[in-house]
Amino acid sequence: MKEEFLQYVWQYQLFDKKQLLCSDQEKITILSPGYRNDHAGPDFHQAKIKIGALTFVGDVEIHYYSGDWLQHGHQHNKAYDNVILHVVWKDNQTIRTTSGELIPAIELSGRIKKELIAKAETLVNNINEIPCSHHIEKVNEITRLNAVEKAVLYRLEERSEKIYHKGELISARNL
């Protein structure tokens, strides 16, 4: 299982949230998972989490093992000081910010349906360029031709736009 899968699970909240406790046994309620960060820094920004009686807004970092935090050097990076929750498959180590503040963690092991894990592993291990390509024969011919036609029209429109805009640039230069 990869971190990307855990990020997907967190983003869409695809895990059992009943009786969710963090590493120090405080009750956790996820009010918002935040939005995905595809750049440097924590994986999710502006998450809203209630831990015990307090509500926090901040970042969420996701790892397979909590100890990966140290392997990635986050303990020395101030960009991770706003992390309010560490989401992990296995919580195997206590994690702190650069100033020594404890970062609560939740463990997803045992909280994700086995069917979802199996589907993800099937997709990752699929040798086909398009994982669902073997299902194409099950699609009725009219639906298949309609999809191809739409794709061709979309591509034609896209190319026409590029040619049109290049034409504008060319005529503007000729003025």
N, C-alpha and C. Protein backbone atom coordinates (compact mmCIF):
# COMPACT_ATOMS: atom_id res chain seq x y z
N MET A 1 0.84 -1.18 0.00
CA MET A 1 0.00 0.00 0.00
C MET A 1 0.89 1.24 0.00
N LYS A 2 0.48 2.25 -0.76
CA LYS A 2 1.28 3.45 -0.90
C LYS A 2 0.61 4.63 -0.21
N GLU A 3 1.42 5.64 0.05
CA GLU A 3 0.90 6.88 0.65
C GLU A 3 -0.20 7.50 -0.19
N GLU A 4 -0.06 7.42 -1.52
CA GLU A 4 -1.06 8.01 -2.41
C GLU A 4 -2.45 7.42 -2.16
N PHE A 5 -2.48 6.12 -1.87
CA PHE A 5 -3.75 5.47 -1.55
C PHE A 5 -4.32 6.04 -0.26
N LEU A 6 -3.48 6.19 0.76
CA LEU A 6 -3.93 6.74 2.03
C LEU A 6 -4.40 8.19 1.86
N GLN A 7 -3.73 8.95 0.99
CA GLN A 7 -4.16 10.33 0.71
C GLN A 7 -5.55 10.32 0.08
N TYR A 8 -5.78 9.40 -0.84
CA TYR A 8 -7.09 9.25 -1.49
C TYR A 8 -8.16 8.90 -0.45
N VAL A 9 -7.83 7.95 0.41
CA VAL A 9 -8.76 7.52 1.46
C VAL A 9 -9.09 8.69 2.38
N TRP A 10 -8.08 9.49 2.74
CA TRP A 10 -8.31 10.65 3.61
C TRP A 10 -9.16 11.70 2.87
N GLN A 11 -8.81 12.01 1.65
CA GLN A 11 -9.51 13.05 0.89
C GLN A 11 -11.01 12.76 0.79
N TYR A 12 -11.36 11.51 0.54
CA TYR A 12 -12.76 11.13 0.36
C TYR A 12 -13.36 10.47 1.61
N GLN A 13 -12.58 10.47 2.70
CA GLN A 13 -13.05 9.96 3.98
C GLN A 13 -13.59 8.54 3.87
N LEU A 14 -12.83 7.66 3.24
CA LEU A 14 -13.24 6.29 2.97
C LEU A 14 -12.75 5.33 4.05
N PHE A 15 -12.97 5.68 5.28
CA PHE A 15 -12.56 4.82 6.39
C PHE A 15 -13.58 4.95 7.51
N ASP A 16 -13.56 3.98 8.40
CA ASP A 16 -14.50 3.96 9.53
C ASP A 16 -14.09 5.02 10.54
N LYS A 17 -14.99 5.98 10.78
CA LYS A 17 -14.69 7.08 11.69
C LYS A 17 -15.33 6.90 13.07
N LYS A 18 -15.96 5.74 13.28
CA LYS A 18 -16.58 5.48 14.58
C LYS A 18 -15.51 5.30 15.65
N GLN A 19 -15.74 5.89 16.79
CA GLN A 19 -14.83 5.79 17.94
C GLN A 19 -13.39 6.06 17.53
N LEU A 20 -13.21 7.14 16.80
CA LEU A 20 -11.89 7.52 16.30
C LEU A 20 -11.12 8.22 17.42
N LEU A 21 -9.96 7.65 17.75
CA LEU A 21 -9.11 8.19 18.81
C LEU A 21 -7.74 8.49 18.23
N CYS A 22 -7.13 9.56 18.73
CA CYS A 22 -5.76 9.84 18.30
C CYS A 22 -4.79 9.12 19.22
N SER A 23 -3.51 9.30 18.97
CA SER A 23 -2.47 8.57 19.67
C SER A 23 -2.51 8.75 21.18
N ASP A 24 -2.99 9.90 21.66
CA ASP A 24 -3.07 10.09 23.13
C ASP A 24 -4.46 9.74 23.66
N GLN A 25 -5.23 8.98 22.89
CA GLN A 25 -6.55 8.45 23.26
C GLN A 25 -7.65 9.51 23.38
N GLU A 26 -7.42 10.71 22.84
CA GLU A 26 -8.47 11.74 22.79
C GLU A 26 -9.41 11.42 21.64
N LYS A 27 -10.70 11.71 21.82
CA LYS A 27 -11.68 11.49 20.76
C LYS A 27 -11.45 12.51 19.65
N ILE A 28 -11.54 12.04 18.38
CA ILE A 28 -11.35 12.91 17.22
C ILE A 28 -12.61 12.89 16.36
N THR A 29 -13.00 14.08 15.93
CA THR A 29 -14.08 14.23 14.96
C THR A 29 -13.52 15.03 13.79
N ILE A 30 -13.67 14.51 12.59
CA ILE A 30 -13.18 15.20 11.40
C ILE A 30 -14.32 16.04 10.86
N LEU A 31 -14.15 17.35 10.94
CA LEU A 31 -15.17 18.27 10.45
C LEU A 31 -14.96 18.56 8.97
N SER A 32 -13.71 18.61 8.55
CA SER A 32 -13.35 18.78 7.13
C SER A 32 -11.94 18.22 6.93
N PRO A 33 -11.74 17.40 5.88
CA PRO A 33 -10.41 16.83 5.64
C PRO A 33 -9.42 17.85 5.07
N GLY A 34 -9.92 19.03 4.68
CA GLY A 34 -9.05 20.03 4.07
C GLY A 34 -8.97 19.81 2.58
N TYR A 35 -8.10 20.59 1.93
CA TYR A 35 -7.94 20.42 0.49
C TYR A 35 -6.53 19.95 0.17
N ARG A 36 -6.46 19.14 -0.86
CA ARG A 36 -5.22 18.47 -1.26
C ARG A 36 -4.16 19.47 -1.72
N ASN A 37 -2.95 19.28 -1.25
CA ASN A 37 -1.81 20.10 -1.65
C ASN A 37 -0.92 19.26 -2.55
N ASP A 38 -0.79 19.65 -3.82
CA ASP A 38 0.05 18.90 -4.75
C ASP A 38 1.44 19.50 -4.87
N HIS A 39 1.77 20.45 -4.00
CA HIS A 39 3.08 21.11 -4.04
C HIS A 39 3.86 20.70 -2.79
N ALA A 40 4.98 21.34 -2.56
CA ALA A 40 5.80 21.04 -1.38
C ALA A 40 5.03 21.36 -0.11
N GLY A 41 5.31 20.64 0.95
CA GLY A 41 4.66 20.89 2.23
C GLY A 41 3.67 19.80 2.58
N PRO A 42 2.89 20.02 3.64
CA PRO A 42 1.93 19.00 4.09
C PRO A 42 0.94 18.61 3.00
N ASP A 43 0.38 17.41 3.12
CA ASP A 43 -0.49 16.84 2.10
C ASP A 43 -1.84 17.54 1.96
N PHE A 44 -2.38 18.05 3.07
CA PHE A 44 -3.69 18.72 3.05
C PHE A 44 -3.61 20.01 3.86
N HIS A 45 -4.27 21.05 3.35
CA HIS A 45 -4.33 22.34 4.03
C HIS A 45 -5.76 22.61 4.50
N GLN A 46 -5.86 23.41 5.52
CA GLN A 46 -7.14 23.91 6.06
C GLN A 46 -8.11 22.80 6.46
N ALA A 47 -7.58 21.76 7.02
CA ALA A 47 -8.44 20.72 7.59
C ALA A 47 -9.03 21.26 8.89
N LYS A 48 -10.19 20.76 9.24
CA LYS A 48 -10.84 21.19 10.49
C LYS A 48 -11.12 19.93 11.30
N ILE A 49 -10.46 19.83 12.45
CA ILE A 49 -10.51 18.63 13.28
C ILE A 49 -10.86 19.01 14.72
N LYS A 50 -11.75 18.25 15.30
CA LYS A 50 -12.06 18.43 16.72
C LYS A 50 -11.37 17.33 17.50
N ILE A 51 -10.51 17.73 18.43
CA ILE A 51 -9.81 16.77 19.29
C ILE A 51 -10.24 17.07 20.71
N GLY A 52 -10.93 16.11 21.33
CA GLY A 52 -11.51 16.37 22.64
C GLY A 52 -12.54 17.48 22.51
N ALA A 53 -12.40 18.54 23.30
CA ALA A 53 -13.33 19.66 23.26
C ALA A 53 -12.85 20.80 22.37
N LEU A 54 -11.63 20.71 21.85
CA LEU A 54 -11.04 21.80 21.06
C LEU A 54 -11.13 21.53 19.55
N THR A 55 -11.39 22.59 18.80
CA THR A 55 -11.43 22.50 17.34
C THR A 55 -10.19 23.17 16.77
N PHE A 56 -9.51 22.48 15.85
CA PHE A 56 -8.29 22.97 15.23
C PHE A 56 -8.48 23.10 13.72
N VAL A 57 -7.85 24.11 13.14
CA VAL A 57 -7.80 24.26 11.70
C VAL A 57 -6.33 24.33 11.32
N GLY A 58 -5.93 23.49 10.38
CA GLY A 58 -4.52 23.46 9.99
C GLY A 58 -4.26 22.38 8.97
N ASP A 59 -3.03 21.91 8.93
CA ASP A 59 -2.59 20.96 7.92
C ASP A 59 -2.67 19.52 8.43
N VAL A 60 -2.74 18.60 7.47
CA VAL A 60 -2.72 17.16 7.75
C VAL A 60 -1.60 16.55 6.89
N GLU A 61 -0.78 15.74 7.51
CA GLU A 61 0.28 15.02 6.80
C GLU A 61 -0.04 13.53 6.86
N ILE A 62 0.24 12.84 5.78
CA ILE A 62 -0.10 11.42 5.68
C ILE A 62 1.15 10.60 5.37
N HIS A 63 1.33 9.51 6.13
CA HIS A 63 2.44 8.60 5.90
C HIS A 63 1.97 7.17 6.13
N TYR A 64 2.73 6.21 5.62
CA TYR A 64 2.43 4.81 5.89
C TYR A 64 2.72 4.52 7.37
N TYR A 65 3.96 4.79 7.79
CA TYR A 65 4.33 4.69 9.21
C TYR A 65 4.53 6.10 9.75
N SER A 66 4.19 6.31 11.01
CA SER A 66 4.41 7.65 11.59
C SER A 66 5.90 7.99 11.59
N GLY A 67 6.77 7.00 11.70
CA GLY A 67 8.21 7.23 11.68
C GLY A 67 8.72 7.77 10.35
N ASP A 68 7.91 7.68 9.30
CA ASP A 68 8.30 8.24 8.00
C ASP A 68 8.47 9.76 8.09
N TRP A 69 7.80 10.37 9.06
CA TRP A 69 7.94 11.81 9.31
C TRP A 69 9.42 12.15 9.51
N LEU A 70 10.09 11.34 10.30
CA LEU A 70 11.50 11.56 10.60
C LEU A 70 12.37 11.24 9.38
N GLN A 71 12.04 10.16 8.67
CA GLN A 71 12.80 9.80 7.47
C GLN A 71 12.73 10.89 6.41
N HIS A 72 11.60 11.58 6.33
CA HIS A 72 11.43 12.66 5.35
C HIS A 72 12.01 13.99 5.85
N GLY A 73 12.43 14.03 7.10
CA GLY A 73 13.05 15.24 7.65
C GLY A 73 12.08 16.34 8.04
N HIS A 74 10.80 16.00 8.20
CA HIS A 74 9.80 17.02 8.54
C HIS A 74 10.05 17.65 9.91
N GLN A 75 10.72 16.93 10.81
CA GLN A 75 10.97 17.45 12.16
C GLN A 75 11.89 18.67 12.13
N HIS A 76 12.56 18.91 11.00
CA HIS A 76 13.46 20.06 10.86
C HIS A 76 12.88 21.13 9.94
N ASN A 77 11.67 20.91 9.44
CA ASN A 77 11.09 21.80 8.44
C ASN A 77 9.90 22.56 9.02
N LYS A 78 10.03 23.86 9.16
CA LYS A 78 8.98 24.70 9.75
C LYS A 78 7.68 24.69 8.94
N ALA A 79 7.75 24.28 7.66
CA ALA A 79 6.54 24.19 6.84
C ALA A 79 5.55 23.18 7.42
N TYR A 80 6.05 22.29 8.29
CA TYR A 80 5.20 21.25 8.88
C TYR A 80 4.76 21.60 10.30
N ASP A 81 5.07 22.81 10.76
CA ASP A 81 4.69 23.21 12.12
C ASP A 81 3.20 23.47 12.29
N ASN A 82 2.47 23.61 11.17
CA ASN A 82 1.03 23.86 11.24
C ASN A 82 0.23 22.56 11.09
N VAL A 83 0.91 21.41 11.15
CA VAL A 83 0.22 20.13 11.05
C VAL A 83 -0.54 19.88 12.36
N ILE A 84 -1.85 19.67 12.22
CA ILE A 84 -2.68 19.42 13.40
C ILE A 84 -3.01 17.94 13.58
N LEU A 85 -2.75 17.14 12.51
CA LEU A 85 -3.03 15.71 12.60
C LEU A 85 -2.12 14.94 11.64
N HIS A 86 -1.58 13.86 12.14
CA HIS A 86 -0.75 12.96 11.34
C HIS A 86 -1.57 11.70 11.08
N VAL A 87 -1.92 11.45 9.82
CA VAL A 87 -2.74 10.30 9.46
C VAL A 87 -1.80 9.22 8.92
N VAL A 88 -1.85 8.04 9.54
CA VAL A 88 -0.91 6.97 9.20
C VAL A 88 -1.61 5.62 9.11
N TRP A 89 -0.96 4.70 8.40
CA TRP A 89 -1.46 3.32 8.39
C TRP A 89 -1.10 2.67 9.72
N LYS A 90 0.15 2.84 10.15
CA LYS A 90 0.61 2.30 11.43
C LYS A 90 1.29 3.40 12.24
N ASP A 91 0.83 3.60 13.44
CA ASP A 91 1.42 4.61 14.34
C ASP A 91 2.51 3.94 15.16
N ASN A 92 3.75 4.10 14.72
CA ASN A 92 4.85 3.40 15.37
C ASN A 92 5.83 4.33 16.09
N GLN A 93 5.53 5.64 16.11
CA GLN A 93 6.48 6.57 16.72
C GLN A 93 5.79 7.89 17.07
N THR A 94 6.17 8.50 18.17
CA THR A 94 5.67 9.81 18.56
C THR A 94 6.36 10.87 17.71
N ILE A 95 5.57 11.82 17.21
CA ILE A 95 6.10 12.84 16.30
C ILE A 95 5.87 14.23 16.89
N ARG A 96 6.86 15.11 16.68
CA ARG A 96 6.78 16.47 17.21
C ARG A 96 7.16 17.49 16.13
N THR A 97 6.70 18.72 16.33
CA THR A 97 7.04 19.83 15.43
C THR A 97 8.48 20.26 15.69
N THR A 98 8.95 21.27 14.95
CA THR A 98 10.32 21.77 15.16
C THR A 98 10.48 22.37 16.56
N SER A 99 9.37 22.86 17.14
CA SER A 99 9.45 23.44 18.48
C SER A 99 9.18 22.41 19.59
N GLY A 100 8.98 21.14 19.20
CA GLY A 100 8.80 20.08 20.20
C GLY A 100 7.36 19.78 20.57
N GLU A 101 6.40 20.44 19.89
CA GLU A 101 4.98 20.18 20.17
C GLU A 101 4.57 18.83 19.62
N LEU A 102 3.84 18.07 20.43
CA LEU A 102 3.35 16.76 20.02
C LEU A 102 2.30 16.90 18.91
N ILE A 103 2.41 16.07 17.87
CA ILE A 103 1.41 16.05 16.80
C ILE A 103 0.58 14.79 16.97
N PRO A 104 -0.73 14.95 17.21
CA PRO A 104 -1.58 13.77 17.36
C PRO A 104 -1.66 12.98 16.06
N ALA A 105 -1.84 11.67 16.18
CA ALA A 105 -1.92 10.80 15.02
C ALA A 105 -3.15 9.92 15.10
N ILE A 106 -3.67 9.56 13.94
CA ILE A 106 -4.69 8.51 13.88
C ILE A 106 -4.17 7.41 12.97
N GLU A 107 -4.52 6.19 13.34
CA GLU A 107 -4.07 5.01 12.61
C GLU A 107 -5.24 4.49 11.78
N LEU A 108 -5.04 4.32 10.46
CA LEU A 108 -6.10 3.85 9.58
C LEU A 108 -6.14 2.32 9.43
N SER A 109 -5.11 1.64 9.89
CA SER A 109 -5.08 0.19 9.82
C SER A 109 -6.33 -0.38 10.50
N GLY A 110 -7.05 -1.24 9.80
CA GLY A 110 -8.26 -1.84 10.35
C GLY A 110 -9.50 -0.98 10.15
N ARG A 111 -9.36 0.20 9.56
CA ARG A 111 -10.48 1.11 9.37
C ARG A 111 -10.90 1.26 7.91
N ILE A 112 -10.15 0.65 6.99
CA ILE A 112 -10.46 0.73 5.57
C ILE A 112 -10.98 -0.63 5.12
N LYS A 113 -12.09 -0.62 4.38
CA LYS A 113 -12.67 -1.88 3.93
C LYS A 113 -11.67 -2.66 3.08
N LYS A 114 -11.64 -3.96 3.33
CA LYS A 114 -10.71 -4.84 2.60
C LYS A 114 -10.97 -4.82 1.10
N GLU A 115 -12.24 -4.65 0.70
CA GLU A 115 -12.58 -4.61 -0.72
C GLU A 115 -11.93 -3.40 -1.40
N LEU A 116 -11.90 -2.26 -0.71
CA LEU A 116 -11.29 -1.05 -1.26
C LEU A 116 -9.77 -1.24 -1.42
N ILE A 117 -9.16 -1.84 -0.42
CA ILE A 117 -7.72 -2.11 -0.49
C ILE A 117 -7.42 -3.07 -1.65
N ALA A 118 -8.24 -4.10 -1.80
CA ALA A 118 -8.05 -5.07 -2.88
C ALA A 118 -8.19 -4.41 -4.26
N LYS A 119 -9.20 -3.53 -4.41
CA LYS A 119 -9.40 -2.83 -5.69
C LYS A 119 -8.20 -1.94 -6.01
N ALA A 120 -7.71 -1.24 -5.00
CA ALA A 120 -6.55 -0.36 -5.20
C ALA A 120 -5.32 -1.17 -5.61
N GLU A 121 -5.10 -2.30 -4.96
CA GLU A 121 -3.96 -3.15 -5.31
C GLU A 121 -4.10 -3.71 -6.72
N THR A 122 -5.32 -4.05 -7.12
CA THR A 122 -5.56 -4.55 -8.48
C THR A 122 -5.21 -3.48 -9.50
N LEU A 123 -5.62 -2.24 -9.25
CA LEU A 123 -5.31 -1.15 -10.18
C LEU A 123 -3.82 -0.89 -10.25
N VAL A 124 -3.16 -0.86 -9.11
CA VAL A 124 -1.72 -0.58 -9.07
C VAL A 124 -0.92 -1.68 -9.76
N ASN A 125 -1.35 -2.93 -9.58
CA ASN A 125 -0.61 -4.06 -10.13
C ASN A 125 -1.02 -4.42 -11.56
N ASN A 126 -1.97 -3.68 -12.14
CA ASN A 126 -2.46 -3.96 -13.48
C ASN A 126 -1.38 -3.63 -14.50
N ILE A 127 -1.12 -4.55 -15.41
CA ILE A 127 -0.08 -4.34 -16.42
C ILE A 127 -0.60 -3.61 -17.66
N ASN A 128 -1.92 -3.48 -17.80
CA ASN A 128 -2.49 -2.77 -18.95
C ASN A 128 -2.28 -1.28 -18.82
N GLU A 129 -2.11 -0.61 -19.95
CA GLU A 129 -1.94 0.85 -19.94
C GLU A 129 -3.20 1.52 -19.39
N ILE A 130 -4.36 0.99 -19.78
CA ILE A 130 -5.64 1.48 -19.26
C ILE A 130 -6.21 0.32 -18.44
N PRO A 131 -6.25 0.47 -17.11
CA PRO A 131 -6.63 -0.65 -16.24
C PRO A 131 -7.96 -1.32 -16.57
N CYS A 132 -8.93 -0.56 -17.10
CA CYS A 132 -10.25 -1.16 -17.35
C CYS A 132 -10.41 -1.61 -18.80
N SER A 133 -9.33 -1.65 -19.57
CA SER A 133 -9.42 -1.94 -21.01
C SER A 133 -10.05 -3.30 -21.31
N HIS A 134 -9.89 -4.26 -20.43
CA HIS A 134 -10.46 -5.58 -20.68
C HIS A 134 -11.99 -5.60 -20.60
N HIS A 135 -12.59 -4.50 -20.12
CA HIS A 135 -14.06 -4.41 -20.03
C HIS A 135 -14.68 -3.80 -21.28
N ILE A 136 -13.88 -3.31 -22.21
CA ILE A 136 -14.40 -2.61 -23.38
C ILE A 136 -15.36 -3.47 -24.20
N GLU A 137 -15.11 -4.76 -24.26
CA GLU A 137 -15.98 -5.65 -25.04
C GLU A 137 -17.37 -5.79 -24.43
N LYS A 138 -17.50 -5.46 -23.15
CA LYS A 138 -18.80 -5.57 -22.48
C LYS A 138 -19.69 -4.35 -22.76
N VAL A 139 -19.09 -3.28 -23.30
CA VAL A 139 -19.84 -2.06 -23.59
C VAL A 139 -20.54 -2.22 -24.93
N ASN A 140 -21.81 -1.86 -24.98
CA ASN A 140 -22.56 -2.01 -26.22
C ASN A 140 -21.97 -1.12 -27.32
N GLU A 141 -22.06 -1.60 -28.58
CA GLU A 141 -21.36 -0.96 -29.70
C GLU A 141 -21.79 0.49 -29.93
N ILE A 142 -23.04 0.78 -29.78
CA ILE A 142 -23.53 2.16 -29.99
C ILE A 142 -22.91 3.09 -28.95
N THR A 143 -22.87 2.66 -27.71
CA THR A 143 -22.27 3.47 -26.65
C THR A 143 -20.79 3.68 -26.91
N ARG A 144 -20.12 2.63 -27.36
CA ARG A 144 -18.68 2.71 -27.65
C ARG A 144 -18.41 3.69 -28.80
N LEU A 145 -19.20 3.59 -29.89
CA LEU A 145 -19.03 4.49 -31.04
C LEU A 145 -19.36 5.93 -30.65
N ASN A 146 -20.35 6.12 -29.81
CA ASN A 146 -20.72 7.45 -29.34
C ASN A 146 -19.57 8.07 -28.55
N ALA A 147 -18.93 7.29 -27.71
CA ALA A 147 -17.80 7.78 -26.91
C ALA A 147 -16.63 8.16 -27.81
N VAL A 148 -16.35 7.33 -28.81
CA VAL A 148 -15.26 7.63 -29.74
C VAL A 148 -15.58 8.91 -30.52
N GLU A 149 -16.81 9.03 -30.97
CA GLU A 149 -17.23 10.23 -31.72
C GLU A 149 -17.06 11.49 -30.87
N LYS A 150 -17.48 11.43 -29.62
CA LYS A 150 -17.32 12.58 -28.72
C LYS A 150 -15.85 12.94 -28.54
N ALA A 151 -15.01 11.92 -28.38
CA ALA A 151 -13.58 12.17 -28.20
C ALA A 151 -12.98 12.82 -29.44
N VAL A 152 -13.38 12.35 -30.63
CA VAL A 152 -12.89 12.92 -31.88
C VAL A 152 -13.33 14.38 -32.00
N LEU A 153 -14.59 14.65 -31.70
CA LEU A 153 -15.10 16.03 -31.78
C LEU A 153 -14.38 16.95 -30.79
N TYR A 154 -14.16 16.45 -29.60
CA TYR A 154 -13.46 17.23 -28.58
C TYR A 154 -12.05 17.59 -29.07
N ARG A 155 -11.36 16.59 -29.61
CA ARG A 155 -10.00 16.83 -30.10
C ARG A 155 -10.00 17.80 -31.28
N LEU A 156 -10.98 17.67 -32.18
CA LEU A 156 -11.09 18.57 -33.32
C LEU A 156 -11.33 20.01 -32.86
N GLU A 157 -12.22 20.18 -31.88
CA GLU A 157 -12.48 21.52 -31.33
C GLU A 157 -11.23 22.10 -30.68
N GLU A 158 -10.51 21.27 -29.95
CA GLU A 158 -9.29 21.70 -29.28
C GLU A 158 -8.25 22.19 -30.31
N ARG A 159 -8.06 21.42 -31.36
CA ARG A 159 -7.10 21.80 -32.40
C ARG A 159 -7.57 23.04 -33.16
N SER A 160 -8.86 23.14 -33.43
CA SER A 160 -9.40 24.31 -34.12
C SER A 160 -9.13 25.57 -33.32
N GLU A 161 -9.32 25.48 -32.00
CA GLU A 161 -9.04 26.63 -31.13
C GLU A 161 -7.58 27.06 -31.23
N LYS A 162 -6.68 26.09 -31.21
CA LYS A 162 -5.25 26.41 -31.30
C LYS A 162 -4.94 27.08 -32.64
N ILE A 163 -5.49 26.54 -33.73
CA ILE A 163 -5.25 27.11 -35.05
C ILE A 163 -5.85 28.52 -35.13
N TYR A 164 -7.05 28.68 -34.59
CA TYR A 164 -7.72 29.98 -34.60
C TYR A 164 -6.87 31.02 -33.87
N HIS A 165 -6.38 30.65 -32.68
CA HIS A 165 -5.58 31.59 -31.89
C HIS A 165 -4.23 31.86 -32.55
N LYS A 166 -3.64 30.86 -33.17
CA LYS A 166 -2.39 31.10 -33.89
C LYS A 166 -2.65 32.03 -35.06
N GLY A 167 -3.79 31.86 -35.74
CA GLY A 167 -4.17 32.73 -36.85
C GLY A 167 -4.30 34.17 -36.40
N GLU A 168 -4.87 34.38 -35.19
CA GLU A 168 -4.99 35.74 -34.65
C GLU A 168 -3.62 36.35 -34.43
N LEU A 169 -2.71 35.53 -33.90
CA LEU A 169 -1.36 36.02 -33.66
C LEU A 169 -0.66 36.35 -34.96
N ILE A 170 -0.85 35.49 -35.95
CA ILE A 170 -0.21 35.72 -37.25
C ILE A 170 -0.76 36.99 -37.88
N SER A 171 -2.12 37.17 -37.89
CA SER A 171 -2.66 38.39 -38.51
C SER A 171 -2.29 39.62 -37.72
N ALA A 172 -2.13 39.52 -36.40
CA ALA A 172 -1.74 40.69 -35.61
C ALA A 172 -0.31 41.10 -35.95
N ARG A 173 0.54 40.13 -36.23
CA ARG A 173 1.93 40.44 -36.61
C ARG A 173 2.00 41.11 -37.96
N ASN A 174 1.10 40.75 -38.86
CA ASN A 174 1.13 41.29 -40.21
C ASN A 174 0.62 42.72 -40.28
N LEU A 175 0.06 43.25 -39.19
CA LEU A 175 -0.47 44.63 -39.21
C LEU A 175 0.58 45.65 -39.26
